[in-house]
Amino acid sequence: MKLHSKIYGWDYVWRDFADEMKGQLVEDESTGKPSITSLYVPVPAESWILTFNPFVYRGHKTHTGTTVTAAFNALDDFSFAIYNEKLGSQFSKLLGMQDLQIGEAAFDSKFIVQGSDKARVLDLFGDVQLQDLVLAQPESLQFRILAETSSAFHSEWRVPPGYKVLAYTQESLVDDFNVLQSIYELMVISLKQLCAIGATGTPISQPAPQRALRSVFLQR
């Protein structure tokens, strides 16, 4: 059994994760030492692809962190956003909607949940496994559906008509294999749940282009 170690830093962990998950790395070699800019991880049973990036955007500035995205064809206007209570003052008006209660004390006390359809938000996060995966994430978690260019991404990122993006961000750069695995599972289960509640058809399954900062849902 292979032992996954983080003693060599996040770059080693991400390469280890790519190898284990049969992912595809995109690297910047301009400095002479290859640096990971994107990691495309397939979901074999579903033919889906998740895009991992070792940074987050605030306005037009790039900061160290972790962003994971997956594009999907939206069947309607359903959206949601989850973030830690401590981030409430920054994101309380993200969707312009009230904080929804899921009905689980541990979950409701830690996170603010907003959504465009209360009943479907409850269906989505009524899944116990999904709740546990969200609870395992750090305090800087932002987990949401994006339908348009957002300050969470660079201004060149565009979501084409008919598509939305399931986006996970945290302010820390993940350097733990098990945490990367947890994020992967969170994204996959969420996509399955979005299909189950009728918010999407099959998420995009075509290979992502070989260019940093871009994914299959971006328009040039």
C-alpha atoms as a PDB file:
ATOM      1  CA  MET A   1       0.000   0.000   0.000  1.00  0.00           C
ATOM      2  CA  LYS A   2       1.403   3.385  -0.983  1.00  0.00           C
ATOM      3  CA  LEU A   3       1.904   5.868   1.841  1.00  0.00           C
ATOM      4  CA  HIS A   4       0.973   9.459   1.053  1.00  0.00           C
ATOM      5  CA  SER A   5       3.216  12.022   2.721  1.00  0.00           C
ATOM      6  CA  LYS A   6       3.148  15.821   2.831  1.00  0.00           C
ATOM      7  CA  ILE A   7       6.646  16.279   4.215  1.00  0.00           C
ATOM      8  CA  TYR A   8       7.869  17.341   0.753  1.00  0.00           C
ATOM      9  CA  GLY A   9       5.244  20.071   0.360  1.00  0.00           C
ATOM     10  CA  TRP A  10       2.030  20.690  -1.561  1.00  0.00           C
ATOM     11  CA  ASP A  11       3.607  20.211  -5.004  1.00  0.00           C
ATOM     12  CA  TYR A  12       4.643  16.660  -4.117  1.00  0.00           C
ATOM     13  CA  VAL A  13       1.172  15.932  -2.705  1.00  0.00           C
ATOM     14  CA  TRP A  14      -0.598  17.222  -5.818  1.00  0.00           C
ATOM     15  CA  ARG A  15       1.649  15.136  -8.079  1.00  0.00           C
ATOM     16  CA  ASP A  16       0.998  12.117  -5.876  1.00  0.00           C
ATOM     17  CA  PHE A  17      -2.749  12.783  -6.083  1.00  0.00           C
ATOM     18  CA  ALA A  18      -2.555  13.176  -9.878  1.00  0.00           C
ATOM     19  CA  ASP A  19      -0.755   9.853 -10.163  1.00  0.00           C
ATOM     20  CA  GLU A  20      -3.217   8.064  -7.892  1.00  0.00           C
ATOM     21  CA  MET A  21      -6.311   9.550  -9.588  1.00  0.00           C
ATOM     22  CA  LYS A  22      -4.934   9.321 -13.143  1.00  0.00           C
ATOM     23  CA  GLY A  23      -5.104  13.100 -13.376  1.00  0.00           C
ATOM     24  CA  GLN A  24      -3.407  15.396 -15.865  1.00  0.00           C
ATOM     25  CA  LEU A  25      -1.086  18.169 -14.723  1.00  0.00           C
ATOM     26  CA  VAL A  26      -0.586  21.523 -16.429  1.00  0.00           C
ATOM     27  CA  GLU A  27       2.689  23.158 -15.465  1.00  0.00           C
ATOM     28  CA  ASP A  28       4.419  26.500 -15.861  1.00  0.00           C
ATOM     29  CA  GLU A  29       8.056  25.935 -16.830  1.00  0.00           C
ATOM     30  CA  SER A  30       8.949  29.585 -17.434  1.00  0.00           C
ATOM     31  CA  THR A  31      11.018  29.796 -14.253  1.00  0.00           C
ATOM     32  CA  GLY A  32      13.087  26.731 -15.092  1.00  0.00           C
ATOM     33  CA  LYS A  33      11.435  24.633 -12.386  1.00  0.00           C
ATOM     34  CA  PRO A  34       8.027  23.164 -13.341  1.00  0.00           C
ATOM     35  CA  SER A  35       5.227  24.606 -11.215  1.00  0.00           C
ATOM     36  CA  ILE A  36       1.693  23.189 -11.180  1.00  0.00           C
ATOM     37  CA  THR A  37      -0.989  25.597 -12.421  1.00  0.00           C
ATOM     38  CA  SER A  38      -3.854  23.147 -12.959  1.00  0.00           C
ATOM     39  CA  LEU A  39      -4.721  19.541 -12.279  1.00  0.00           C
ATOM     40  CA  TYR A  40      -7.503  17.852 -14.250  1.00  0.00           C
ATOM     41  CA  VAL A  41      -8.947  14.852 -12.415  1.00  0.00           C
ATOM     42  CA  PRO A  42     -11.388  12.510 -14.182  1.00  0.00           C
ATOM     43  CA  VAL A  43     -14.277  10.734 -12.515  1.00  0.00           C
ATOM     44  CA  PRO A  44     -14.109   7.439 -14.458  1.00  0.00           C
ATOM     45  CA  ALA A  45     -17.537   6.018 -13.618  1.00  0.00           C
ATOM     46  CA  GLU A  46     -19.226   9.225 -14.796  1.00  0.00           C
ATOM     47  CA  SER A  47     -16.662  10.514 -17.326  1.00  0.00           C
ATOM     48  CA  TRP A  48     -16.590  13.843 -15.494  1.00  0.00           C
ATOM     49  CA  ILE A  49     -13.551  16.094 -15.040  1.00  0.00           C
ATOM     50  CA  LEU A  50     -12.735  18.258 -12.012  1.00  0.00           C
ATOM     51  CA  THR A  51     -10.250  21.124 -12.310  1.00  0.00           C
ATOM     52  CA  PHE A  52      -7.977  21.779  -9.311  1.00  0.00           C
ATOM     53  CA  ASN A  53      -6.008  25.065  -9.131  1.00  0.00           C
ATOM     54  CA  PRO A  54      -3.483  26.021  -6.408  1.00  0.00           C
ATOM     55  CA  PHE A  55      -4.746  29.588  -6.077  1.00  0.00           C
ATOM     56  CA  VAL A  56      -7.823  31.733  -5.478  1.00  0.00           C
ATOM     57  CA  TYR A  57      -8.849  35.072  -6.981  1.00  0.00           C
ATOM     58  CA  ARG A  58      -9.884  38.164  -5.110  1.00  0.00           C
ATOM     59  CA  GLY A  59     -10.721  40.779  -7.686  1.00  0.00           C
ATOM     60  CA  HIS A  60      -7.984  40.642 -10.302  1.00  0.00           C
ATOM     61  CA  LYS A  61      -5.316  39.456  -7.861  1.00  0.00           C
ATOM     62  CA  THR A  62      -4.153  35.893  -7.478  1.00  0.00           C
ATOM     63  CA  HIS A  63      -3.499  34.499  -4.020  1.00  0.00           C
ATOM     64  CA  THR A  64      -2.326  31.144  -2.754  1.00  0.00           C
ATOM     65  CA  GLY A  65      -5.229  28.845  -1.971  1.00  0.00           C
ATOM     66  CA  THR A  66      -7.217  26.009  -3.491  1.00  0.00           C
ATOM     67  CA  THR A  67      -9.947  26.238  -6.126  1.00  0.00           C
ATOM     68  CA  VAL A  68     -11.830  23.276  -7.582  1.00  0.00           C
ATOM     69  CA  THR A  69     -14.429  23.677 -10.332  1.00  0.00           C
ATOM     70  CA  ALA A  70     -16.742  21.584 -12.465  1.00  0.00           C
ATOM     71  CA  ALA A  71     -18.958  22.938 -15.222  1.00  0.00           C
ATOM     72  CA  PHE A  72     -22.436  21.596 -15.900  1.00  0.00           C
ATOM     73  CA  ASN A  73     -25.351  22.302 -18.193  1.00  0.00           C
ATOM     74  CA  ALA A  74     -27.952  24.086 -16.080  1.00  0.00           C
ATOM     75  CA  LEU A  75     -31.554  23.007 -16.529  1.00  0.00           C
ATOM     76  CA  ASP A  76     -32.901  26.008 -14.614  1.00  0.00           C
ATOM     77  CA  ASP A  77     -31.860  28.926 -12.391  1.00  0.00           C
ATOM     78  CA  PHE A  78     -31.131  26.906  -9.245  1.00  0.00           C
ATOM     79  CA  SER A  79     -28.159  28.222  -7.248  1.00  0.00           C
ATOM     80  CA  PHE A  80     -26.778  27.841  -3.742  1.00  0.00           C
ATOM     81  CA  ALA A  81     -23.909  29.136  -1.633  1.00  0.00           C
ATOM     82  CA  ILE A  82     -22.342  27.797   1.550  1.00  0.00           C
ATOM     83  CA  TYR A  83     -19.747  29.574   3.641  1.00  0.00           C
ATOM     84  CA  ASN A  84     -18.588  29.554   7.217  1.00  0.00           C
ATOM     85  CA  GLU A  85     -20.412  31.697   9.767  1.00  0.00           C
ATOM     86  CA  LYS A  86     -17.196  33.660  10.324  1.00  0.00           C
ATOM     87  CA  LEU A  87     -17.304  34.842   6.714  1.00  0.00           C
ATOM     88  CA  GLY A  88     -20.876  36.066   7.079  1.00  0.00           C
ATOM     89  CA  SER A  89     -20.135  39.767   6.954  1.00  0.00           C
ATOM     90  CA  GLN A  90     -18.293  39.338   3.660  1.00  0.00           C
ATOM     91  CA  PHE A  91     -20.714  37.063   1.873  1.00  0.00           C
ATOM     92  CA  SER A  92     -24.070  37.614   3.589  1.00  0.00           C
ATOM     93  CA  LYS A  93     -25.559  39.154   0.458  1.00  0.00           C
ATOM     94  CA  LEU A  94     -24.008  36.712  -1.994  1.00  0.00           C
ATOM     95  CA  LEU A  95     -27.382  35.596  -3.300  1.00  0.00           C
ATOM     96  CA  GLY A  96     -29.479  38.227  -1.572  1.00  0.00           C
ATOM     97  CA  MET A  97     -31.335  35.524   0.316  1.00  0.00           C
ATOM     98  CA  GLN A  98     -31.843  34.404   3.901  1.00  0.00           C
ATOM     99  CA  ASP A  99     -29.809  31.844   5.774  1.00  0.00           C
ATOM    100  CA  LEU A 100     -31.477  28.456   5.354  1.00  0.00           C
ATOM    101  CA  GLN A 101     -31.504  25.843   8.097  1.00  0.00           C
ATOM    102  CA  ILE A 102     -30.733  22.290   7.004  1.00  0.00           C
ATOM    103  CA  GLY A 103     -32.019  20.754  10.213  1.00  0.00           C
ATOM    104  CA  GLU A 104     -28.743  19.350  11.553  1.00  0.00           C
ATOM    105  CA  ALA A 105     -27.430  21.341  14.515  1.00  0.00           C
ATOM    106  CA  ALA A 106     -23.704  20.808  13.806  1.00  0.00           C
ATOM    107  CA  PHE A 107     -24.143  21.885  10.197  1.00  0.00           C
ATOM    108  CA  ASP A 108     -26.455  24.830  10.817  1.00  0.00           C
ATOM    109  CA  SER A 109     -24.271  26.240  13.601  1.00  0.00           C
ATOM    110  CA  LYS A 110     -21.141  26.257  11.443  1.00  0.00           C
ATOM    111  CA  PHE A 111     -22.371  27.315   8.007  1.00  0.00           C
ATOM    112  CA  ILE A 112     -24.551  29.908   6.347  1.00  0.00           C
ATOM    113  CA  VAL A 113     -26.535  28.325   3.539  1.00  0.00           C
ATOM    114  CA  GLN A 114     -28.319  30.333   0.864  1.00  0.00           C
ATOM    115  CA  GLY A 115     -30.230  29.161  -2.163  1.00  0.00           C
ATOM    116  CA  SER A 116     -32.719  30.102  -4.825  1.00  0.00           C
ATOM    117  CA  ASP A 117     -35.066  27.216  -3.940  1.00  0.00           C
ATOM    118  CA  LYS A 118     -35.329  26.231  -0.263  1.00  0.00           C
ATOM    119  CA  ALA A 119     -36.914  22.847  -0.906  1.00  0.00           C
ATOM    120  CA  ARG A 120     -34.190  21.775  -3.306  1.00  0.00           C
ATOM    121  CA  VAL A 121     -31.421  23.113  -1.065  1.00  0.00           C
ATOM    122  CA  LEU A 122     -32.827  20.887   1.696  1.00  0.00           C
ATOM    123  CA  ASP A 123     -32.948  17.942  -0.708  1.00  0.00           C
ATOM    124  CA  LEU A 124     -29.398  18.627  -1.841  1.00  0.00           C
ATOM    125  CA  PHE A 125     -27.849  18.888   1.603  1.00  0.00           C
ATOM    126  CA  GLY A 126     -30.153  16.381   3.222  1.00  0.00           C
ATOM    127  CA  ASP A 127     -27.623  13.797   2.103  1.00  0.00           C
ATOM    128  CA  VAL A 128     -25.713  12.786   5.270  1.00  0.00           C
ATOM    129  CA  GLN A 129     -22.510  11.940   3.422  1.00  0.00           C
ATOM    130  CA  LEU A 130     -22.529  15.334   1.731  1.00  0.00           C
ATOM    131  CA  GLN A 131     -23.109  17.065   5.079  1.00  0.00           C
ATOM    132  CA  ASP A 132     -20.146  15.227   6.601  1.00  0.00           C
ATOM    133  CA  LEU A 133     -17.864  16.194   3.717  1.00  0.00           C
ATOM    134  CA  VAL A 134     -18.839  19.864   4.020  1.00  0.00           C
ATOM    135  CA  LEU A 135     -18.306  19.765   7.793  1.00  0.00           C
ATOM    136  CA  ALA A 136     -14.806  18.402   7.236  1.00  0.00           C
ATOM    137  CA  GLN A 137     -13.750  21.479   5.223  1.00  0.00           C
ATOM    138  CA  PRO A 138     -11.812  24.464   6.653  1.00  0.00           C
ATOM    139  CA  GLU A 139     -13.303  27.683   8.005  1.00  0.00           C
ATOM    140  CA  SER A 140     -12.394  29.575   4.835  1.00  0.00           C
ATOM    141  CA  LEU A 141     -14.660  27.348   2.729  1.00  0.00           C
ATOM    142  CA  GLN A 142     -16.794  28.862  -0.016  1.00  0.00           C
ATOM    143  CA  PHE A 143     -18.894  26.318  -1.911  1.00  0.00           C
ATOM    144  CA  ARG A 144     -21.388  27.550  -4.481  1.00  0.00           C
ATOM    145  CA  ILE A 145     -22.840  27.588  -7.958  1.00  0.00           C
ATOM    146  CA  LEU A 146     -21.698  30.414 -10.231  1.00  0.00           C
ATOM    147  CA  ALA A 147     -23.659  31.519 -13.268  1.00  0.00           C
ATOM    148  CA  GLU A 148     -21.536  34.442 -14.410  1.00  0.00           C
ATOM    149  CA  THR A 149     -18.150  36.058 -14.078  1.00  0.00           C
ATOM    150  CA  SER A 150     -17.373  36.548 -10.426  1.00  0.00           C
ATOM    151  CA  SER A 151     -14.685  38.244  -8.366  1.00  0.00           C
ATOM    152  CA  ALA A 152     -13.838  34.709  -7.263  1.00  0.00           C
ATOM    153  CA  PHE A 153     -12.182  34.275 -10.649  1.00  0.00           C
ATOM    154  CA  HIS A 154     -10.133  36.269 -13.090  1.00  0.00           C
ATOM    155  CA  SER A 155     -12.052  38.667 -15.333  1.00  0.00           C
ATOM    156  CA  GLU A 156     -11.257  36.514 -18.377  1.00  0.00           C
ATOM    157  CA  TRP A 157     -13.306  33.636 -16.971  1.00  0.00           C
ATOM    158  CA  ARG A 158     -16.749  33.475 -18.550  1.00  0.00           C
ATOM    159  CA  VAL A 159     -19.550  30.992 -18.132  1.00  0.00           C
ATOM    160  CA  PRO A 160     -21.307  30.480 -21.480  1.00  0.00           C
ATOM    161  CA  PRO A 161     -25.109  30.642 -21.713  1.00  0.00           C
ATOM    162  CA  GLY A 162     -26.794  27.470 -20.506  1.00  0.00           C
ATOM    163  CA  TYR A 163     -23.953  26.463 -18.191  1.00  0.00           C
ATOM    164  CA  LYS A 164     -23.063  26.997 -14.561  1.00  0.00           C
ATOM    165  CA  VAL A 165     -20.057  26.146 -12.439  1.00  0.00           C
ATOM    166  CA  LEU A 166     -19.891  24.233  -9.185  1.00  0.00           C
ATOM    167  CA  ALA A 167     -17.027  26.007  -7.416  1.00  0.00           C
ATOM    168  CA  TYR A 168     -15.105  25.137  -4.257  1.00  0.00           C
ATOM    169  CA  THR A 169     -12.568  27.561  -2.807  1.00  0.00           C
ATOM    170  CA  GLN A 170     -10.559  27.812   0.382  1.00  0.00           C
ATOM    171  CA  GLU A 171      -7.871  30.285   1.381  1.00  0.00           C
ATOM    172  CA  SER A 172      -5.264  27.643   2.255  1.00  0.00           C
ATOM    173  CA  LEU A 173      -3.183  25.690  -0.248  1.00  0.00           C
ATOM    174  CA  VAL A 174      -4.001  22.041   0.398  1.00  0.00           C
ATOM    175  CA  ASP A 175      -0.908  19.987   1.135  1.00  0.00           C
ATOM    176  CA  ASP A 176      -2.611  16.830   2.385  1.00  0.00           C
ATOM    177  CA  PHE A 177      -3.556  13.912   0.117  1.00  0.00           C
ATOM    178  CA  ASN A 178      -6.577  12.949   2.217  1.00  0.00           C
ATOM    179  CA  VAL A 179      -7.922  16.494   2.107  1.00  0.00           C
ATOM    180  CA  LEU A 180      -7.639  16.543  -1.699  1.00  0.00           C
ATOM    181  CA  GLN A 181      -9.498  13.225  -1.723  1.00  0.00           C
ATOM    182  CA  SER A 182     -12.191  14.711   0.521  1.00  0.00           C
ATOM    183  CA  ILE A 183     -12.661  17.695  -1.816  1.00  0.00           C
ATOM    184  CA  TYR A 184     -12.869  15.329  -4.787  1.00  0.00           C
ATOM    185  CA  GLU A 185     -15.582  13.308  -3.060  1.00  0.00           C
ATOM    186  CA  LEU A 186     -17.461  16.478  -2.083  1.00  0.00           C
ATOM    187  CA  MET A 187     -17.518  17.671  -5.695  1.00  0.00           C
ATOM    188  CA  VAL A 188     -18.557  14.309  -7.137  1.00  0.00           C
ATOM    189  CA  ILE A 189     -21.352  13.684  -4.631  1.00  0.00           C
ATOM    190  CA  SER A 190     -22.608  17.241  -5.100  1.00  0.00           C
ATOM    191  CA  LEU A 191     -22.761  16.792  -8.870  1.00  0.00           C
ATOM    192  CA  LYS A 192     -24.695  13.567  -8.418  1.00  0.00           C
ATOM    193  CA  GLN A 193     -27.085  15.301  -6.042  1.00  0.00           C
ATOM    194  CA  LEU A 194     -27.565  18.183  -8.499  1.00  0.00           C
ATOM    195  CA  CYS A 195     -28.551  15.601 -11.100  1.00  0.00           C
ATOM    196  CA  ALA A 196     -30.905  13.933  -8.629  1.00  0.00           C
ATOM    197  CA  ILE A 197     -32.777  17.161  -7.821  1.00  0.00           C
ATOM    198  CA  GLY A 198     -33.074  18.082 -11.500  1.00  0.00           C
ATOM    199  CA  ALA A 199     -30.723  21.054 -11.518  1.00  0.00           C
ATOM    200  CA  THR A 200     -28.476  19.636 -14.197  1.00  0.00           C
ATOM    201  CA  GLY A 201     -28.107  17.021 -16.858  1.00  0.00           C
ATOM    202  CA  THR A 202     -24.752  15.318 -17.303  1.00  0.00           C
ATOM    203  CA  PRO A 203     -21.817  17.551 -16.262  1.00  0.00           C
ATOM    204  CA  ILE A 204     -19.338  18.396 -19.014  1.00  0.00           C
ATOM    205  CA  SER A 205     -17.181  15.391 -19.836  1.00  0.00           C
ATOM    206  CA  GLN A 206     -14.873  16.617 -22.592  1.00  0.00           C
ATOM    207  CA  PRO A 207     -11.149  17.027 -21.851  1.00  0.00           C
ATOM    208  CA  ALA A 208     -10.072  20.404 -20.536  1.00  0.00           C
ATOM    209  CA  PRO A 209      -7.793  22.508 -22.769  1.00  0.00           C
ATOM    210  CA  GLN A 210      -4.114  22.694 -21.967  1.00  0.00           C
ATOM    211  CA  ARG A 211      -3.948  26.238 -20.660  1.00  0.00           C
ATOM    212  CA  ALA A 212      -3.562  27.517 -17.135  1.00  0.00           C
ATOM    213  CA  LEU A 213      -6.487  29.456 -15.618  1.00  0.00           C
ATOM    214  CA  ARG A 214      -8.963  27.931 -18.065  1.00  0.00           C
ATOM    215  CA  SER A 215     -11.363  25.018 -18.147  1.00  0.00           C
ATOM    216  CA  VAL A 216     -13.905  23.629 -20.591  1.00  0.00           C
ATOM    217  CA  PHE A 217     -16.590  26.132 -19.605  1.00  0.00           C
ATOM    218  CA  LEU A 218     -14.526  29.204 -20.402  1.00  0.00           C
ATOM    219  CA  GLN A 219     -14.989  31.302 -23.518  1.00  0.00           C
ATOM    220  CA  ARG A 220     -12.030  32.869 -25.257  1.00  0.00           C
END
